[in-house]
N, C-alpha and C. Protein backbone atom coordinates (compact mmCIF):
# COMPACT_ATOMS: atom_id res chain seq x y z
N MET A 1 -19.99 -0.52 -17.75
CA MET A 1 -19.38 0.24 -16.61
C MET A 1 -18.51 1.44 -17.35
N ASN A 2 -19.17 2.43 -17.91
CA ASN A 2 -18.00 3.59 -18.80
C ASN A 2 -18.06 5.29 -17.80
N SER A 3 -18.41 5.44 -17.16
CA SER A 3 -18.87 6.72 -16.14
C SER A 3 -18.06 6.40 -14.94
N LYS A 4 -17.56 7.78 -14.57
CA LYS A 4 -16.90 7.73 -13.44
C LYS A 4 -17.69 7.23 -12.18
N THR A 5 -19.47 7.36 -12.58
CA THR A 5 -20.18 7.11 -11.23
C THR A 5 -20.28 5.71 -11.11
N ASP A 6 -19.79 4.74 -11.70
CA ASP A 6 -19.68 3.29 -11.90
C ASP A 6 -18.66 2.25 -10.79
N ILE A 7 -17.65 3.24 -10.53
CA ILE A 7 -17.18 2.82 -9.11
C ILE A 7 -17.54 2.74 -7.92
N PRO A 8 -17.34 1.34 -7.43
CA PRO A 8 -18.45 1.21 -6.48
C PRO A 8 -18.15 2.06 -5.08
N ARG A 9 -18.80 2.92 -4.00
CA ARG A 9 -18.77 3.47 -3.11
C ARG A 9 -17.43 3.17 -2.43
N SER A 10 -17.47 1.57 -2.04
CA SER A 10 -16.98 1.24 -1.37
C SER A 10 -15.71 0.93 -1.54
N LEU A 11 -14.92 0.78 -2.73
CA LEU A 11 -13.66 0.78 -3.48
C LEU A 11 -13.21 2.37 -3.06
N LYS A 12 -14.15 3.47 -3.58
CA LYS A 12 -13.35 4.71 -3.43
C LYS A 12 -12.95 4.80 -1.55
N GLY A 13 -14.06 4.05 -0.66
CA GLY A 13 -13.14 4.75 0.52
C GLY A 13 -12.26 4.13 1.05
N TRP A 14 -12.15 2.56 0.06
CA TRP A 14 -11.03 1.68 0.61
C TRP A 14 -9.56 2.76 0.13
N PHE A 15 -9.89 3.53 -1.17
CA PHE A 15 -8.93 4.34 -1.84
C PHE A 15 -8.48 5.35 -0.47
N ILE A 16 -9.75 6.08 -0.60
CA ILE A 16 -9.11 7.18 0.75
C ILE A 16 -8.51 6.44 2.48
N VAL A 17 -9.12 5.55 2.67
CA VAL A 17 -8.44 4.78 3.69
C VAL A 17 -7.19 4.29 3.82
N HIS A 18 -6.88 3.93 2.41
CA HIS A 18 -5.22 3.84 2.00
C HIS A 18 -4.62 5.19 1.96
N PHE A 19 -5.35 6.06 1.41
CA PHE A 19 -4.12 7.61 1.46
C PHE A 19 -3.99 7.93 2.82
N ILE A 20 -4.98 7.94 3.51
CA ILE A 20 -4.61 8.06 5.02
C ILE A 20 -3.52 7.21 5.85
N ALA A 21 -3.90 5.97 5.53
CA ALA A 21 -2.94 4.85 6.00
C ALA A 21 -1.54 5.37 5.52
N ASP A 22 -1.15 5.51 4.34
CA ASP A 22 0.33 5.70 3.80
C ASP A 22 0.71 7.09 4.21
N THR A 23 -0.21 7.90 4.50
CA THR A 23 0.14 9.49 4.66
C THR A 23 0.67 9.30 6.12
N LEU A 24 -0.23 8.54 7.02
CA LEU A 24 0.04 8.16 8.47
C LEU A 24 1.67 7.67 8.83
N PHE A 25 1.69 6.76 7.89
CA PHE A 25 3.09 6.35 7.83
C PHE A 25 4.09 7.26 7.54
N ALA A 26 3.60 7.54 6.10
CA ALA A 26 5.29 8.36 5.20
C ALA A 26 5.75 9.65 6.15
N VAL A 27 4.74 10.25 6.69
CA VAL A 27 5.21 11.69 7.35
C VAL A 27 6.19 11.21 8.75
N PRO A 28 6.26 10.75 9.40
CA PRO A 28 6.89 9.99 10.66
C PRO A 28 8.27 9.59 9.60
N LEU A 29 8.08 8.82 8.87
CA LEU A 29 9.15 7.97 8.29
C LEU A 29 10.07 8.63 7.12
N PHE A 30 9.14 9.53 6.89
CA PHE A 30 10.05 10.65 5.88
C PHE A 30 10.76 11.81 6.66
N ILE A 31 10.13 11.98 8.26
CA ILE A 31 10.69 13.43 8.72
C ILE A 31 11.97 12.77 9.52
N ALA A 32 11.67 11.97 10.43
CA ALA A 32 12.23 11.03 11.48
C ALA A 32 12.72 9.40 11.43
N PRO A 33 13.53 9.09 10.25
CA PRO A 33 13.45 7.55 9.53
C PRO A 33 13.84 6.77 10.82
N VAL A 34 15.03 7.40 11.34
CA VAL A 34 16.08 6.73 12.62
C VAL A 34 15.04 6.80 13.79
N PHE A 35 14.50 7.64 14.22
CA PHE A 35 13.82 7.66 15.56
C PHE A 35 12.50 6.47 15.26
N LEU A 36 11.65 6.77 14.12
CA LEU A 36 10.37 5.44 13.79
C LEU A 36 11.33 4.19 13.84
N LEU A 37 12.00 4.15 12.91
CA LEU A 37 12.41 2.67 12.71
C LEU A 37 13.22 2.41 14.08
N ASP A 38 13.84 2.80 14.97
CA ASP A 38 14.33 2.25 16.04
C ASP A 38 13.31 1.72 16.72
N LEU A 39 12.28 2.90 17.15
CA LEU A 39 11.22 2.91 17.67
C LEU A 39 10.34 1.22 17.50
N LEU A 40 10.38 0.99 16.16
CA LEU A 40 10.05 -0.16 15.59
C LEU A 40 10.91 -1.60 15.98
N GLY A 41 11.75 -1.32 16.18
CA GLY A 41 12.98 -2.16 16.43
C GLY A 41 13.60 -2.71 15.45
N TRP A 42 14.14 -1.55 14.46
CA TRP A 42 14.56 -1.97 12.98
C TRP A 42 15.84 -2.36 13.60
N LYS A 43 16.53 -3.25 12.95
CA LYS A 43 18.48 -3.79 13.63
C LYS A 43 18.68 -2.82 12.55
N SER A 44 18.70 -2.31 11.44
CA SER A 44 19.52 -2.05 10.67
C SER A 44 18.72 -0.59 9.86
N ILE A 45 19.39 0.46 9.92
CA ILE A 45 18.67 2.07 9.34
C ILE A 45 19.16 2.53 8.20
N ASP A 46 18.51 2.46 7.36
CA ASP A 46 19.04 3.19 6.05
C ASP A 46 18.46 4.53 6.17
N PRO A 47 18.46 5.92 6.67
CA PRO A 47 17.86 7.11 6.61
C PRO A 47 17.07 7.05 5.45
N LEU A 48 18.21 7.45 3.96
CA LEU A 48 17.88 7.46 2.79
C LEU A 48 16.83 6.67 1.95
N MET A 49 17.20 5.31 2.30
CA MET A 49 16.35 4.07 1.82
C MET A 49 14.58 4.55 2.30
N ALA A 50 15.03 4.57 3.99
CA ALA A 50 13.69 4.92 4.58
C ALA A 50 12.78 6.01 4.17
N ARG A 51 13.51 6.89 3.75
CA ARG A 51 12.66 8.59 2.76
C ARG A 51 12.47 7.80 1.67
N MET A 52 12.83 7.14 0.67
CA MET A 52 12.39 6.46 -0.63
C MET A 52 11.22 5.52 -0.31
N VAL A 53 11.13 4.68 0.55
CA VAL A 53 10.19 4.14 1.08
C VAL A 53 8.70 5.31 1.21
N ALA A 54 9.50 6.18 2.09
CA ALA A 54 8.26 6.89 2.36
C ALA A 54 7.60 7.70 1.04
N ALA A 55 8.45 8.08 0.15
CA ALA A 55 8.34 8.93 -0.81
C ALA A 55 7.51 8.01 -1.83
N ALA A 56 7.62 6.56 -2.05
CA ALA A 56 6.64 5.86 -2.34
C ALA A 56 5.23 5.73 -2.04
N LEU A 57 4.80 5.49 -0.32
CA LEU A 57 4.30 5.56 0.28
C LEU A 57 3.11 7.07 -0.12
N PHE A 58 3.94 8.40 -0.05
CA PHE A 58 3.07 9.47 -0.59
C PHE A 58 2.60 9.20 -1.62
N GLY A 59 3.39 8.73 -2.71
CA GLY A 59 3.21 9.03 -4.35
C GLY A 59 2.14 8.09 -4.31
N ILE A 60 1.96 6.73 -3.95
CA ILE A 60 0.61 5.95 -3.85
C ILE A 60 -0.25 6.62 -3.22
N GLY A 61 -0.25 6.66 -2.03
CA GLY A 61 -1.37 7.10 -1.45
C GLY A 61 -1.57 8.17 -2.02
N THR A 62 -1.36 9.41 -2.18
CA THR A 62 -1.73 10.53 -2.98
C THR A 62 -2.76 10.18 -4.14
N GLU A 63 -2.31 9.14 -4.80
CA GLU A 63 -2.80 9.30 -6.49
C GLU A 63 -4.26 8.33 -5.73
N SER A 64 -4.20 7.56 -4.67
CA SER A 64 -5.02 7.01 -4.31
C SER A 64 -6.26 7.65 -4.08
N LEU A 65 -5.77 9.18 -3.70
CA LEU A 65 -7.11 10.52 -3.41
C LEU A 65 -7.24 10.71 -4.41
N LEU A 66 -6.19 11.35 -5.15
CA LEU A 66 -6.71 11.95 -6.67
C LEU A 66 -7.23 11.33 -7.38
N CYS A 67 -7.57 10.11 -7.72
CA CYS A 67 -7.94 9.36 -8.61
C CYS A 67 -9.77 8.89 -8.26
N ILE A 68 -9.97 9.06 -7.30
CA ILE A 68 -10.61 9.04 -7.01
C ILE A 68 -12.25 9.51 -7.71
N LYS A 69 -11.94 10.47 -8.47
CA LYS A 69 -12.83 11.31 -8.99
C LYS A 69 -12.51 10.92 -10.65
N LEU A 70 -12.19 9.81 -10.86
CA LEU A 70 -11.25 9.60 -12.19
C LEU A 70 -12.48 8.15 -12.42
N GLY A 71 -12.13 7.71 -13.90
CA GLY A 71 -13.33 6.48 -13.97
C GLY A 71 -12.03 5.19 -14.08
N LYS A 72 -12.95 4.17 -14.53
CA LYS A 72 -12.62 3.01 -14.16
C LYS A 72 -11.50 2.96 -14.72
N ASP A 73 -10.60 3.16 -15.34
CA ASP A 73 -9.30 3.00 -16.05
C ASP A 73 -8.34 3.33 -15.18
N ALA A 74 -8.46 4.20 -14.57
CA ALA A 74 -7.53 5.19 -13.62
C ALA A 74 -7.51 4.10 -12.20
N PHE A 75 -8.64 3.50 -12.06
CA PHE A 75 -8.95 2.93 -10.62
C PHE A 75 -8.04 1.33 -10.99
N ILE A 76 -8.27 0.84 -12.11
CA ILE A 76 -8.15 -0.64 -12.70
C ILE A 76 -6.25 -0.27 -12.33
N ALA A 77 -5.96 1.09 -12.95
CA ALA A 77 -4.38 1.02 -13.47
C ALA A 77 -3.77 1.33 -12.11
N MET A 78 -4.25 1.90 -10.59
CA MET A 78 -4.14 2.10 -9.73
C MET A 78 -4.11 0.74 -8.81
N LEU A 79 -5.21 -0.25 -8.99
CA LEU A 79 -4.50 -1.31 -8.41
C LEU A 79 -4.22 -2.19 -8.88
N ASN A 80 -3.85 -2.27 -9.98
CA ASN A 80 -2.21 -3.20 -10.72
C ASN A 80 -1.21 -2.66 -9.79
N LEU A 81 -1.11 -1.31 -9.83
CA LEU A 81 0.27 -0.45 -9.29
C LEU A 81 0.37 -1.23 -7.84
N LYS A 82 -0.88 -1.21 -6.72
CA LYS A 82 -1.26 -1.64 -5.21
C LYS A 82 -1.06 -3.03 -5.50
N ILE A 83 -1.13 -3.55 -6.48
CA ILE A 83 -1.27 -5.01 -5.76
C ILE A 83 0.23 -5.72 -6.16
N ILE A 84 0.96 -5.13 -7.53
CA ILE A 84 2.33 -5.11 -7.69
C ILE A 84 2.98 -4.98 -6.14
N TRP A 85 2.57 -3.22 -5.75
CA TRP A 85 3.74 -3.04 -4.43
C TRP A 85 3.40 -3.59 -3.53
N SER A 86 2.44 -3.97 -3.03
CA SER A 86 2.31 -5.08 -2.23
C SER A 86 2.75 -6.18 -2.21
N PHE A 87 2.87 -6.76 -3.02
CA PHE A 87 3.30 -8.01 -3.32
C PHE A 87 4.86 -8.20 -3.28
N ALA A 88 5.17 -6.87 -3.77
CA ALA A 88 6.91 -6.77 -3.45
C ALA A 88 6.75 -6.63 -1.74
N ALA A 89 6.31 -5.56 -1.43
CA ALA A 89 7.09 -5.58 0.33
C ALA A 89 6.38 -6.99 0.68
N ILE A 90 5.34 -7.98 0.74
CA ILE A 90 4.70 -8.25 1.39
C ILE A 90 6.38 -9.74 1.17
N THR A 91 6.66 -9.96 0.18
CA THR A 91 7.95 -10.66 -0.14
C THR A 91 9.04 -10.20 0.46
N GLY A 92 9.45 -8.63 0.50
CA GLY A 92 10.29 -8.11 0.92
C GLY A 92 9.98 -8.57 2.49
N PHE A 93 8.73 -8.47 3.40
CA PHE A 93 9.02 -8.88 4.83
C PHE A 93 9.58 -10.11 5.24
N ILE A 94 8.45 -10.65 4.14
CA ILE A 94 8.91 -12.30 4.28
C ILE A 94 10.59 -12.59 4.60
N VAL A 95 11.18 -12.20 3.63
CA VAL A 95 12.50 -12.21 3.52
C VAL A 95 13.31 -11.64 4.67
N GLY A 96 13.11 -10.83 5.04
CA GLY A 96 13.57 -9.67 6.15
C GLY A 96 12.75 -10.59 7.45
N LEU A 97 12.22 -11.31 7.74
CA LEU A 97 12.04 -12.29 8.84
C LEU A 97 12.55 -13.31 8.97
N SER A 98 12.80 -14.15 7.96
CA SER A 98 13.34 -15.03 7.29
C SER A 98 14.57 -14.92 8.07
N GLN A 99 15.40 -13.85 7.84
CA GLN A 99 16.87 -13.43 7.78
C GLN A 99 16.82 -13.09 9.41
N GLY A 100 15.63 -12.33 10.28
CA GLY A 100 15.87 -12.27 11.22
C GLY A 100 16.37 -10.89 11.20
N LEU A 101 16.20 -10.19 10.40
CA LEU A 101 16.15 -8.51 10.38
C LEU A 101 15.67 -7.42 11.07
N PHE A 102 14.83 -8.01 11.79
CA PHE A 102 13.66 -7.15 12.90
C PHE A 102 13.81 -7.79 14.09
N GLY A 103 14.67 -6.36 14.73
CA GLY A 103 14.37 -6.62 16.34
C GLY A 103 13.84 -7.19 17.11
N ASN A 104 12.23 -6.85 16.65
CA ASN A 104 11.00 -7.40 17.29
C ASN A 104 10.33 -7.71 16.07
N PRO A 105 10.18 -9.09 15.93
CA PRO A 105 9.57 -9.61 14.68
C PRO A 105 8.06 -9.32 15.23
N ALA A 106 7.66 -9.17 16.00
CA ALA A 106 5.91 -9.15 15.94
C ALA A 106 5.78 -7.53 15.09
N VAL A 107 6.78 -6.64 15.25
CA VAL A 107 6.71 -5.49 14.42
C VAL A 107 6.41 -5.65 12.54
N GLY A 108 7.63 -7.04 12.52
CA GLY A 108 7.47 -7.33 11.00
C GLY A 108 5.98 -8.25 10.03
N PHE A 109 5.63 -9.10 11.04
CA PHE A 109 4.38 -9.84 11.38
C PHE A 109 3.34 -8.82 10.86
N SER A 110 3.54 -7.70 12.04
CA SER A 110 2.44 -6.89 11.94
C SER A 110 2.16 -5.91 10.22
N LEU A 111 3.44 -5.70 10.05
CA LEU A 111 3.62 -5.03 8.73
C LEU A 111 3.08 -6.13 7.41
N LEU A 112 3.54 -7.18 7.76
CA LEU A 112 3.56 -8.12 6.89
C LEU A 112 1.92 -8.58 6.96
N SER A 113 1.43 -8.88 7.94
CA SER A 113 -0.13 -8.54 7.69
C SER A 113 -1.21 -7.93 7.40
N ILE A 114 -0.76 -5.91 7.46
CA ILE A 114 -0.94 -5.15 6.74
C ILE A 114 -1.04 -5.11 5.08
N PHE A 115 0.55 -5.19 4.84
CA PHE A 115 0.11 -5.45 3.38
C PHE A 115 -0.37 -6.84 3.01
N THR A 116 -0.52 -8.02 3.88
CA THR A 116 -0.90 -8.91 3.07
C THR A 116 -2.69 -8.53 2.89
N ALA A 117 -3.18 -8.03 3.88
CA ALA A 117 -4.78 -7.59 4.14
C ALA A 117 -5.28 -6.66 2.90
N PHE A 118 -4.07 -5.76 2.71
CA PHE A 118 -4.76 -4.81 1.29
C PHE A 118 -4.49 -5.60 0.05
N ASN A 119 -3.35 -6.23 0.14
CA ASN A 119 -3.06 -7.48 -1.37
C ASN A 119 -4.36 -7.84 -1.72
N ILE A 120 -4.92 -8.71 -0.51
CA ILE A 120 -5.93 -9.34 -0.59
C ILE A 120 -7.02 -8.82 -1.31
N LEU A 121 -7.07 -7.18 -0.72
CA LEU A 121 -8.43 -6.34 -0.63
C LEU A 121 -8.46 -6.16 -2.51
N TRP A 122 -7.36 -5.47 -2.47
CA TRP A 122 -7.41 -5.21 -4.26
C TRP A 122 -7.32 -6.18 -5.53
N ILE A 123 -6.56 -7.75 -4.86
CA ILE A 123 -6.84 -8.42 -5.40
C ILE A 123 -8.42 -8.70 -5.98
N TYR A 124 -8.97 -8.42 -4.51
CA TYR A 124 -10.78 -9.02 -4.92
C TYR A 124 -11.09 -7.66 -5.72
N TRP A 125 -11.02 -6.22 -5.62
CA TRP A 125 -11.18 -5.34 -6.26
C TRP A 125 -10.88 -5.63 -7.84
N ARG A 126 -9.41 -5.67 -8.36
CA ARG A 126 -8.87 -6.35 -9.54
C ARG A 126 -10.08 -7.06 -10.13
N LEU A 127 -10.75 -8.28 -9.51
CA LEU A 127 -11.18 -9.19 -10.26
C LEU A 127 -12.53 -8.95 -10.24
N TYR A 128 -12.85 -8.01 -9.84
CA TYR A 128 -14.31 -7.14 -9.39
C TYR A 128 -14.23 -6.65 -10.69
N PHE A 129 -13.65 -6.25 -11.63
CA PHE A 129 -13.22 -5.44 -12.51
C PHE A 129 -13.42 -6.46 -13.67
N LYS A 130 -11.97 -7.23 -13.72
CA LYS A 130 -12.28 -8.48 -14.61
C LYS A 130 -13.28 -9.04 -15.26
N LYS A 131 -14.35 -9.42 -14.00
CA LYS A 131 -15.49 -10.16 -13.73
C LYS A 131 -16.23 -9.37 -14.72
N GLN A 132 -16.50 -7.78 -14.49
CA GLN A 132 -17.45 -6.58 -15.19
C GLN A 132 -16.68 -6.81 -16.64
N GLU A 133 -15.99 -6.56 -17.09
CA GLU A 133 -15.62 -6.66 -18.16
C GLU A 133 -15.69 -7.88 -18.95
N SER A 134 -15.73 -9.22 -18.47
CA SER A 134 -16.12 -9.98 -19.24
C SER A 134 -17.48 -10.51 -19.62
N THR A 135 -18.77 -9.50 -18.42
CA THR A 135 -19.82 -9.36 -18.66
C THR A 135 -20.36 -8.47 -19.60
N ASP A 136 -19.59 -7.46 -19.99
CA ASP A 136 -20.06 -6.02 -20.74
C ASP A 136 -20.12 -6.85 -22.36
């Protein structure tokens, strides 16, 4: 696996899906954090921190799209970042749910589920590349 074309199309597709998901959530979170988080039942809202999360979503999502035309090393670096980010978010959601920080726990569990699904997906692809490296 040395060329840009050796990246599976399905992984590129997931990177595009991730860009879209991040952007769809980041835009309203950045523009109207209080409105969005109040709508989702957040008990405590810090607009600055919400915008910082939106900035992270913009950065990770946009880089996911930009690296589509790059090679294996770029994908591995992004997968590592995505695994770390989603694992930290999962931990945060678990702590938040256990402390009753969600006015609507269903929202917390939904977000936890989304981050968990993406984390599993990114780990799968990271292991895919690890397996490829061991056979090269």
